[in-house]
Amino acid sequence: MRLLTILAALLVIPAFAAEKKEKTFSLRDFAWGKSISGPTVTMGKLAGKAVVLEGWGVKCPPCIASLPHLQELSEKYKDTLVVIGAECQGHTAKEIAVVTKKAGVQYAIVAGITKTPIQFSGIPKVFVFDNKGKLVFDGNPADAGFDEAVKKVAEKADAKAAPAKAAPAGKKK
């Protein structure tokens, strides 16, 4: 009798697993704060581009260590990838500028991630989206699959889509 109960349970488990569908997220499920430096990024400017959104902080050594690598990726895939660094510790623009200048960061820096369907408490935290806005990677920029995910989405993105542009100097946004 006990064996029959175990077998019945094993037959039922796959049925429940098949019903559970993993929730997919898109770039539109996320939002970030105001632009601090680099190109100004809006949803409209990201159409057709692959996107890397990283939550990082000025007082986070692993975050600071990832900045030059994200800059390299931004340059390598400049026609198809937009990198957004979201400083999540609430530092001033001046404090952020000291760190980003030292790291050679030229990609968009914004004030935090203001909306996310994925709760996280540790940084650095990185999200990679394909050119349709679908989330394809959620993790740490030091994770083994991060570079491969970026390469895959950047190579499929539209080089002809309008890139994010910096606001002209002296003009208000």
Protein backbone atom coordinates (compact mmCIF):
# COMPACT_ATOMS: atom_id res chain seq x y z
CA MET A 1 0.00 0.00 0.00
CA ARG A 2 2.82 2.41 0.91
CA LEU A 3 4.51 1.74 -2.44
CA LEU A 4 1.28 2.52 -4.29
CA THR A 5 0.99 5.87 -2.47
CA ILE A 6 4.55 6.80 -3.41
CA LEU A 7 3.99 5.85 -7.06
CA ALA A 8 0.76 7.81 -7.20
CA ALA A 9 2.54 10.87 -5.76
CA LEU A 10 5.32 10.58 -8.34
CA LEU A 11 2.76 10.55 -11.14
CA VAL A 12 0.98 13.64 -9.79
CA ILE A 13 4.13 15.79 -9.26
CA PRO A 14 4.95 16.14 -12.99
CA ALA A 15 1.37 17.22 -13.67
CA PHE A 16 1.67 20.08 -11.16
CA ALA A 17 5.10 21.03 -12.48
CA ALA A 18 3.78 21.22 -16.04
CA GLU A 19 1.00 23.60 -14.97
CA LYS A 20 3.37 26.05 -13.29
CA LYS A 21 4.63 28.51 -15.88
CA GLU A 22 7.53 30.76 -15.11
CA LYS A 23 6.55 34.43 -15.15
CA THR A 24 8.38 36.37 -17.80
CA PHE A 25 9.24 39.99 -17.26
CA SER A 26 9.88 42.77 -19.71
CA LEU A 27 11.77 46.03 -19.64
CA ARG A 28 8.44 47.85 -19.28
CA ASP A 29 8.05 46.21 -15.84
CA PHE A 30 11.09 48.22 -14.68
CA ALA A 31 11.69 51.92 -14.12
CA TRP A 32 14.66 53.98 -13.02
CA GLY A 33 15.31 57.39 -11.53
CA LYS A 34 16.43 60.62 -13.14
CA SER A 35 19.51 60.81 -15.29
CA ILE A 36 22.71 61.69 -13.42
CA SER A 37 25.32 61.42 -16.19
CA GLY A 38 25.91 59.99 -19.64
CA PRO A 39 23.19 59.56 -22.24
CA THR A 40 19.62 60.15 -21.10
CA VAL A 41 17.64 56.93 -21.48
CA THR A 42 13.90 56.60 -21.90
CA MET A 43 11.82 53.63 -22.97
CA GLY A 44 11.34 55.19 -26.40
CA LYS A 45 15.08 55.49 -26.94
CA LEU A 46 15.55 51.81 -26.12
CA ALA A 47 13.28 50.38 -28.85
CA GLY A 48 15.09 47.68 -30.80
CA LYS A 49 18.13 47.73 -28.51
CA ALA A 50 19.40 45.14 -26.07
CA VAL A 51 19.58 46.60 -22.55
CA VAL A 52 21.70 45.94 -19.48
CA LEU A 53 20.30 47.50 -16.29
CA GLU A 54 22.64 47.25 -13.31
CA GLY A 55 21.80 48.22 -9.77
CA TRP A 56 25.05 49.29 -8.12
CA GLY A 57 26.35 51.53 -5.35
CA VAL A 58 29.19 53.91 -4.62
CA LYS A 59 30.06 52.09 -1.36
CA CYS A 60 29.99 48.60 -2.92
CA PRO A 61 33.45 47.27 -3.94
CA PRO A 62 32.07 44.48 -6.21
CA CYS A 63 29.86 47.09 -7.91
CA ILE A 64 32.77 49.41 -8.53
CA ALA A 65 34.80 46.47 -9.86
CA SER A 66 32.06 45.74 -12.44
CA LEU A 67 31.91 49.30 -13.83
CA PRO A 68 34.91 49.05 -16.21
CA HIS A 69 33.62 45.74 -17.60
CA LEU A 70 30.19 47.23 -18.28
CA GLN A 71 31.92 50.15 -20.02
CA GLU A 72 33.81 47.65 -22.21
CA LEU A 73 30.54 45.91 -23.12
CA SER A 74 28.94 49.27 -23.84
CA GLU A 75 31.75 50.13 -26.25
CA LYS A 76 31.97 46.67 -27.82
CA TYR A 77 28.25 46.56 -28.64
CA LYS A 78 27.72 50.33 -28.98
CA ASP A 79 25.34 49.97 -31.94
CA THR A 80 23.03 47.40 -30.37
CA LEU A 81 23.36 47.59 -26.57
CA VAL A 82 22.42 50.27 -24.05
CA VAL A 83 23.92 49.98 -20.57
CA ILE A 84 22.18 51.73 -17.69
CA GLY A 85 23.87 51.95 -14.31
CA ALA A 86 21.36 52.64 -11.54
CA GLU A 87 23.07 53.87 -8.35
CA CYS A 88 20.91 52.33 -5.64
CA GLN A 89 22.49 53.71 -2.46
CA GLY A 90 21.17 57.27 -2.83
CA HIS A 91 24.48 59.08 -3.21
CA THR A 92 24.82 62.57 -4.64
CA ALA A 93 25.68 63.22 -8.27
CA LYS A 94 29.07 64.51 -7.13
CA GLU A 95 29.84 61.33 -5.14
CA ILE A 96 28.74 59.20 -8.09
CA ALA A 97 30.81 61.24 -10.55
CA VAL A 98 34.00 60.60 -8.56
CA VAL A 99 33.51 56.84 -8.87
CA THR A 100 32.29 56.74 -12.48
CA LYS A 101 35.02 59.08 -13.73
CA LYS A 102 37.72 56.94 -12.12
CA ALA A 103 36.19 53.82 -13.73
CA GLY A 104 35.92 55.49 -17.16
CA VAL A 105 32.15 55.12 -17.29
CA GLN A 106 30.44 56.88 -20.19
CA TYR A 107 27.18 54.93 -20.29
CA ALA A 108 23.97 56.21 -18.69
CA ILE A 109 23.95 56.59 -14.91
CA VAL A 110 20.58 57.08 -13.23
CA ALA A 111 19.30 57.50 -9.68
CA GLY A 112 18.28 53.99 -8.67
CA ILE A 113 15.81 51.42 -9.88
CA THR A 114 12.42 52.82 -8.92
CA LYS A 115 10.23 49.94 -10.05
CA THR A 116 11.04 46.26 -10.39
CA PRO A 117 8.91 43.11 -10.30
CA ILE A 118 11.94 41.21 -8.96
CA GLN A 119 12.79 42.03 -5.39
CA PHE A 120 16.48 42.11 -4.56
CA SER A 121 18.50 43.23 -1.58
CA GLY A 122 22.07 42.74 -2.75
CA ILE A 123 24.10 44.66 -5.29
CA PRO A 124 25.51 44.52 -7.84
CA LYS A 125 22.36 43.20 -9.48
CA VAL A 126 22.07 43.05 -13.24
CA PHE A 127 19.18 42.51 -15.61
CA VAL A 128 19.70 41.78 -19.32
CA PHE A 129 16.89 42.38 -21.82
CA ASP A 130 16.73 41.38 -25.47
CA ASN A 131 15.78 43.79 -28.27
CA LYS A 132 12.09 43.04 -27.71
CA GLY A 133 12.39 44.00 -24.05
CA LYS A 134 12.18 40.45 -22.67
CA LEU A 135 14.23 39.73 -19.54
CA VAL A 136 16.76 37.02 -20.44
CA PHE A 137 19.21 37.22 -17.52
CA ASP A 138 18.82 38.15 -13.87
CA GLY A 139 21.84 37.90 -11.61
CA ASN A 140 25.25 39.28 -10.81
CA PRO A 141 27.60 40.75 -13.44
CA ALA A 142 30.27 38.33 -12.19
CA ASP A 143 28.03 35.29 -12.88
CA ALA A 144 29.25 32.84 -15.50
CA GLY A 145 26.30 33.37 -17.85
CA PHE A 146 26.27 37.18 -17.85
CA ASP A 147 28.73 37.85 -20.69
CA GLU A 148 27.18 35.16 -22.86
CA ALA A 149 23.68 36.59 -22.29
CA VAL A 150 24.89 40.07 -23.25
CA LYS A 151 26.65 38.78 -26.36
CA LYS A 152 23.59 36.84 -27.45
CA VAL A 153 21.14 39.74 -27.11
CA ALA A 154 23.53 42.38 -28.47
CA GLU A 155 24.22 40.37 -31.61
CA LYS A 156 20.48 39.97 -32.27
CA ALA A 157 19.53 43.59 -31.58
CA ASP A 158 18.85 46.17 -34.26
CA ALA A 159 21.89 48.29 -35.09
CA LYS A 160 19.60 50.62 -37.04
CA ALA A 161 17.38 51.39 -34.05
CA ALA A 162 17.95 54.90 -32.73
CA PRO A 163 20.67 54.86 -30.07
CA ALA A 164 20.29 56.69 -26.76
CA LYS A 165 21.84 60.13 -27.14
CA ALA A 166 23.24 62.46 -24.55
CA ALA A 167 21.29 65.66 -24.00
CA PRO A 168 22.97 68.66 -25.66
CA ALA A 169 25.15 70.62 -23.25
CA GLY A 170 23.39 73.56 -21.64
CA LYS A 171 19.86 72.41 -22.52
CA LYS A 172 17.35 71.40 -19.91
CA LYS A 173 15.66 68.04 -20.15
